Amino acid sequence: MLLEAFGFEEQRSKGSHHIFRSPTGLQITVPKKHGHKVKAAYVRQIIQLLQLREWNDENSD
């Protein structure tokens, strides 16, 4: 999963919600339903949390 690639670890899951925490203490809850895509709002939240736009700008050739 993308969050794990950026150092997040799954702390727990309850029902269809999975809670991830980073080594710096950032936490995000992501709903996960088998066979369904994550909603765009959660994708935007992850992009903002991980600062992926900045990361992509810094790491693209």
Protein backbone atom coordinates (compact mmCIF):
# COMPACT_ATOMS: atom_id res chain seq x y z
CA MET A 1 0.00 0.00 0.00
CA LEU A 2 1.12 3.56 -0.69
CA LEU A 3 1.07 4.60 2.97
CA GLU A 4 3.38 1.74 3.93
CA ALA A 5 5.81 2.75 1.18
CA PHE A 6 6.12 6.11 2.97
CA GLY A 7 6.80 4.56 6.38
CA PHE A 8 3.28 4.28 7.77
CA GLU A 9 2.35 1.14 9.69
CA GLU A 10 -1.14 -0.20 10.15
CA GLN A 11 -1.94 0.21 13.83
CA ARG A 12 -5.29 -1.50 13.84
CA SER A 13 -8.41 -2.12 11.85
CA LYS A 14 -11.97 -2.06 13.03
CA GLY A 15 -14.61 -3.21 10.63
CA SER A 16 -13.77 -1.72 7.26
CA HIS A 17 -11.58 1.09 8.64
CA HIS A 18 -7.80 0.79 8.80
CA ILE A 19 -5.75 3.16 10.94
CA PHE A 20 -2.19 3.94 9.87
CA ARG A 21 0.47 5.86 11.80
CA SER A 22 3.78 7.29 10.63
CA PRO A 23 7.03 7.23 12.63
CA THR A 24 6.47 10.97 13.28
CA GLY A 25 2.99 10.37 14.72
CA LEU A 26 0.82 11.36 11.76
CA GLN A 27 -2.32 9.24 11.66
CA ILE A 28 -4.82 8.55 8.90
CA THR A 29 -7.91 6.36 8.81
CA VAL A 30 -8.78 4.77 5.50
CA PRO A 31 -11.98 2.85 4.80
CA LYS A 32 -11.29 -0.36 2.92
CA LYS A 33 -14.04 -2.40 1.35
CA HIS A 34 -13.14 -5.50 -0.61
CA GLY A 35 -13.46 -4.86 -4.31
CA HIS A 36 -14.14 -1.12 -4.00
CA LYS A 37 -11.89 1.78 -4.90
CA VAL A 38 -10.92 4.35 -2.29
CA LYS A 39 -12.98 7.53 -2.68
CA ALA A 40 -11.32 10.57 -4.22
CA ALA A 41 -11.60 12.51 -0.95
CA TYR A 42 -9.34 9.99 0.78
CA VAL A 43 -6.87 10.03 -2.09
CA ARG A 44 -6.67 13.84 -1.84
CA GLN A 45 -6.17 13.57 1.93
CA ILE A 46 -3.31 11.08 1.47
CA ILE A 47 -1.68 13.24 -1.22
CA GLN A 48 -1.83 16.25 1.09
CA LEU A 49 -0.65 14.31 4.15
CA LEU A 50 2.31 12.75 2.36
CA GLN A 51 3.08 15.96 0.47
CA LEU A 52 3.25 13.90 -2.71
CA ARG A 53 3.12 16.87 -5.04
CA GLU A 54 6.30 18.25 -3.47
CA TRP A 55 7.89 14.79 -3.35
CA ASN A 56 7.12 14.23 -7.04
CA ASP A 57 8.58 17.62 -7.99
CA GLU A 58 11.78 16.87 -6.05
CA ASN A 59 12.21 13.30 -7.32
CA SER A 60 11.21 13.49 -10.97
CA ASP A 61 13.90 13.50 -13.65
